[in-house]
Structures are given as structure tokens and as C-alpha cells.
Amino acid sequence: MKILVACEFSGIVRDAFITAGHDAWSCDLLPTERPGPHFEGGIKTVLARIKGWDMMIAHPPCTHLAVSGARHFSAKIADGRQREALDFVRMLLDAPIPKIALENPISIISSKIRKPDQIIQPWMFGHGETKATCLWLKGLPKLQPTNIVEGREGRIHKMAPSPDRWKQRSRTFIGIAQAMAEQWG
């Protein structure tokens, strides 16, 4: 299959699909951290110029959507950042691709667009951590847990402030990426 991984700089999901034998490409405004097929630029441009994708896994930025930042919502509503973020999510969900998974934390997508089809946790896929992750699915089944583990900790939530904290928090866990590739590929 020809797979587009939108808003991914890490290459983790892209590489899981490549390992499973697919033609997978990541796309992000940032350069990729791992060598591999990557479009550096906006996803709107890629969707407009390149057709024939069989699947898209999208990781839109959660900065203006996640309920963890609810205390800032009034300012983000007033200046249009939240509306713009929701419009971006709608564009991704409406892309002319038969199979789509959109991933985001607990967010206002649930109340402004639609509820997620599934909420997963890293501990369901071999990582002893908690980080509720919502999946909005089109043409794809729910992910089945592959390796439920104990020792669940909120490491991601407890990360100390740093300039690259957002990068560390946004990476997909390898076990989840492998489950996506195995079950959806």
C-alpha cells in the first residue's frame, strides 16, 4: 500500500509501515529525524500534488486542541487559533483517501467534530506508561492490544519543562506504530 504519515517528523510510524513492506512516506514542516522517504513541507501541498494514497495516518498538532491546555482556550478562540486547528483536522479527516486514522490526545475534536472511535494507551502495546491517545478512524478497524504490560506510569505527563518537551511528548510509541503497521497494513 501507499501510505502517507501526516505531521510526523520522527519517522517512527513511517518506518513501521516500511518494515512491514509498504511504500510509506512521512510529511512535516520539520525535517525527518530518521533517514527515509519524507516530504518536508505542508501536508496540504502533498495532498494537492500527489494522488493515489491508500492510507493516511495523521498526527495534527494538538497545541490548540488538547484539553490539557484548556486554561488557554479563551485566548485561542478569540484570536482564531482554535478554529484554524479544527479546520485543519476537518481537512485531514475529509481527505480523499479510503483509509484514515487521525491521532490526538483527549481534545476538543471530540465535542467540536465527533467523538473518537477508540482511545488507546501505550501500556496496551508494550510500554509501561499512560498517555490516553484518541483515534478517529475511517475505513480502518480499531487497534487490538498487542502486549498489555504492568508498571503504568505517566512519564510523558511528568516531563520537566524544556525547549524540546513538545517533541518528546509528540512521538508515537514504537509498539503502537508496529500495531498500526501489522493490523492496518
Protein backbone atom coordinates (compact mmCIF):
# COMPACT_ATOMS: atom_id res chain seq x y z
CA MET A 1 0.00 0.00 0.00
CA LYS A 2 0.93 3.62 -0.50
CA ILE A 3 0.81 5.26 2.94
CA LEU A 4 1.15 8.90 3.98
CA VAL A 5 2.03 9.70 7.59
CA ALA A 6 1.00 13.32 8.04
CA CYS A 7 2.58 15.66 10.58
CA GLU A 8 5.33 13.23 11.56
CA PHE A 9 8.94 14.38 11.90
CA SER A 10 10.13 11.34 13.89
CA GLY A 11 9.68 8.72 11.15
CA ILE A 12 8.50 6.14 13.72
CA VAL A 13 5.14 5.31 12.13
CA ARG A 14 6.52 5.65 8.59
CA ASP A 15 9.35 3.22 9.35
CA ALA A 16 6.99 0.67 10.94
CA PHE A 17 4.99 0.57 7.69
CA ILE A 18 8.16 0.38 5.57
CA THR A 19 9.37 -2.56 7.70
CA ALA A 20 6.01 -4.23 7.02
CA GLY A 21 6.65 -3.89 3.27
CA HIS A 22 4.69 -0.75 2.36
CA ASP A 23 5.55 2.37 0.37
CA ALA A 24 5.30 4.80 3.27
CA TRP A 25 6.15 8.49 3.37
CA SER A 26 6.16 10.95 6.26
CA CYS A 27 5.37 14.64 5.88
CA ASP A 28 6.04 17.51 8.26
CA LEU A 29 7.16 21.13 8.29
CA LEU A 30 10.28 19.88 10.08
CA PRO A 31 12.95 17.64 8.56
CA THR A 32 12.73 13.96 9.46
CA GLU A 33 14.81 12.69 12.37
CA ARG A 34 15.41 9.33 10.68
CA PRO A 35 16.60 8.94 7.10
CA GLY A 36 13.79 7.78 4.89
CA PRO A 37 11.07 8.93 2.48
CA HIS A 38 9.93 12.32 3.79
CA PHE A 39 8.21 15.39 2.39
CA GLU A 40 9.42 18.49 4.22
CA GLY A 41 6.59 20.99 3.91
CA GLY A 42 2.87 21.34 4.37
CA ILE A 43 0.53 18.38 4.15
CA LYS A 44 -1.98 20.41 2.11
CA THR A 45 0.60 20.73 -0.65
CA VAL A 46 1.33 16.98 -0.64
CA LEU A 47 -2.37 16.10 -0.76
CA ALA A 48 -2.94 18.55 -3.63
CA ARG A 49 0.04 17.38 -5.72
CA ILE A 50 0.26 13.64 -5.06
CA LYS A 51 -2.75 11.38 -5.52
CA GLY A 52 -3.32 7.67 -5.05
CA TRP A 53 -2.71 7.30 -1.32
CA ASP A 54 -4.30 4.13 0.12
CA MET A 55 -4.00 5.20 3.74
CA MET A 56 -3.10 8.23 5.83
CA ILE A 57 -2.10 8.23 9.48
CA ALA A 58 -2.37 11.86 10.64
CA HIS A 59 -0.88 13.41 13.77
CA PRO A 60 -2.11 17.04 13.69
CA PRO A 61 -0.55 19.39 16.23
CA CYS A 62 -2.50 19.32 19.49
CA THR A 63 -1.32 22.70 20.80
CA HIS A 64 -4.67 24.45 20.30
CA LEU A 65 -6.86 21.34 20.72
CA ALA A 66 -5.78 19.29 23.74
CA VAL A 67 -7.81 19.70 26.92
CA SER A 68 -4.55 19.76 28.87
CA GLY A 69 -4.28 23.38 27.69
CA ALA A 70 -7.91 24.30 28.41
CA ARG A 71 -6.89 27.27 30.56
CA HIS A 72 -5.70 28.97 27.33
CA PHE A 73 -8.82 28.19 25.27
CA SER A 74 -10.47 31.62 25.59
CA ALA A 75 -7.44 33.36 24.03
CA LYS A 76 -7.17 30.69 21.32
CA ILE A 77 -10.84 31.08 20.47
CA ALA A 78 -10.61 34.87 20.41
CA ASP A 79 -7.66 35.01 18.02
CA GLY A 80 -8.84 32.15 15.77
CA ARG A 81 -6.07 29.64 16.53
CA GLN A 82 -8.51 27.02 17.78
CA ARG A 83 -10.84 27.40 14.76
CA GLU A 84 -7.85 27.11 12.43
CA ALA A 85 -6.67 23.94 14.21
CA LEU A 86 -10.15 22.39 13.95
CA ASP A 87 -10.37 23.32 10.26
CA PHE A 88 -7.04 21.56 9.73
CA VAL A 89 -8.37 18.43 11.46
CA ARG A 90 -11.52 18.52 9.28
CA MET A 91 -9.37 18.84 6.16
CA LEU A 92 -7.36 15.77 7.17
CA LEU A 93 -10.45 13.70 8.01
CA ASP A 94 -12.10 14.71 4.71
CA ALA A 95 -9.04 13.91 2.56
CA PRO A 96 -9.89 11.72 -0.47
CA ILE A 97 -8.09 8.70 0.97
CA PRO A 98 -10.01 5.47 1.65
CA LYS A 99 -8.34 4.66 4.98
CA ILE A 100 -7.57 7.36 7.54
CA ALA A 101 -6.51 7.30 11.17
CA LEU A 102 -6.23 10.64 12.94
CA GLU A 103 -4.41 10.57 16.29
CA ASN A 104 -4.60 13.19 19.04
CA PRO A 105 -4.77 13.34 22.83
CA ILE A 106 -8.05 13.98 24.64
CA SER A 107 -9.17 17.17 22.91
CA ILE A 108 -12.00 19.35 21.73
CA ILE A 109 -12.13 17.37 18.50
CA SER A 110 -14.49 15.11 20.47
CA SER A 111 -17.02 17.88 21.07
CA LYS A 112 -16.49 20.08 18.00
CA ILE A 113 -16.20 17.43 15.26
CA ARG A 114 -17.03 13.96 16.61
CA LYS A 115 -16.12 11.54 19.35
CA PRO A 116 -13.09 9.30 18.71
CA ASP A 117 -13.65 5.75 17.55
CA GLN A 118 -11.13 4.47 20.08
CA ILE A 119 -8.91 5.57 22.96
CA ILE A 120 -5.67 3.63 23.39
CA GLN A 121 -2.83 3.67 25.91
CA PRO A 122 0.89 2.85 25.46
CA TRP A 123 0.59 0.09 28.12
CA MET A 124 -1.68 -1.81 25.71
CA PHE A 125 1.25 -2.08 23.26
CA GLY A 126 4.26 -2.97 25.41
CA HIS A 127 5.12 0.36 27.06
CA GLY A 128 4.60 0.72 30.81
CA GLU A 129 3.22 4.21 30.52
CA THR A 130 -0.05 6.09 30.45
CA LYS A 131 -0.91 8.58 27.72
CA ALA A 132 -4.51 8.49 26.53
CA THR A 133 -4.48 8.69 22.74
CA CYS A 134 -7.67 9.10 20.72
CA LEU A 135 -8.09 7.62 17.25
CA TRP A 136 -10.63 8.86 14.72
CA LEU A 137 -10.91 6.14 12.07
CA LYS A 138 -12.21 5.96 8.51
CA GLY A 139 -12.16 2.58 6.75
CA LEU A 140 -9.99 1.03 9.47
CA PRO A 141 -10.77 -1.32 12.37
CA LYS A 142 -9.97 -0.47 15.96
CA LEU A 143 -6.45 -1.38 17.06
CA GLN A 144 -6.25 -4.52 19.16
CA PRO A 145 -3.83 -4.52 22.11
CA THR A 146 -0.67 -6.48 21.37
CA ASN A 147 1.21 -6.57 24.69
CA ILE A 148 -0.55 -5.37 27.84
CA VAL A 149 2.06 -4.54 30.49
CA GLU A 150 2.06 -3.55 34.17
CA GLY A 151 4.04 -0.75 35.80
CA ARG A 152 1.95 2.03 34.29
CA GLU A 153 3.41 5.46 34.84
CA GLY A 154 2.59 8.93 33.49
CA ARG A 155 6.18 9.67 32.43
CA ILE A 156 5.14 11.77 29.41
CA HIS A 157 2.81 13.90 31.54
CA LYS A 158 5.52 14.45 34.18
CA MET A 159 8.28 15.58 31.81
CA ALA A 160 10.13 18.64 33.05
CA PRO A 161 9.78 21.82 31.01
CA SER A 162 12.38 22.14 28.26
CA PRO A 163 12.67 23.66 24.79
CA ASP A 164 12.06 20.28 23.12
CA ARG A 165 9.47 18.90 25.55
CA TRP A 166 6.78 19.17 22.85
CA LYS A 167 8.88 16.96 20.54
CA GLN A 168 9.36 14.30 23.18
CA ARG A 169 5.65 14.31 24.02
CA SER A 170 4.55 14.11 20.39
CA ARG A 171 6.46 10.96 19.38
CA THR A 172 4.41 7.84 18.75
CA PHE A 173 5.40 4.86 20.87
CA ILE A 174 7.08 2.16 18.76
CA GLY A 175 4.68 -0.55 19.98
CA ILE A 176 1.70 1.49 18.79
CA ALA A 177 3.36 2.17 15.42
CA GLN A 178 4.10 -1.56 14.99
CA ALA A 179 0.49 -2.45 15.85
CA MET A 180 -0.75 0.05 13.25
CA ALA A 181 1.51 -1.46 10.59
CA GLU A 182 0.66 -5.05 11.48
CA GLN A 183 -3.09 -4.58 11.86
CA TRP A 184 -3.81 -1.90 9.26
CA GLY A 185 -1.16 -2.80 6.71
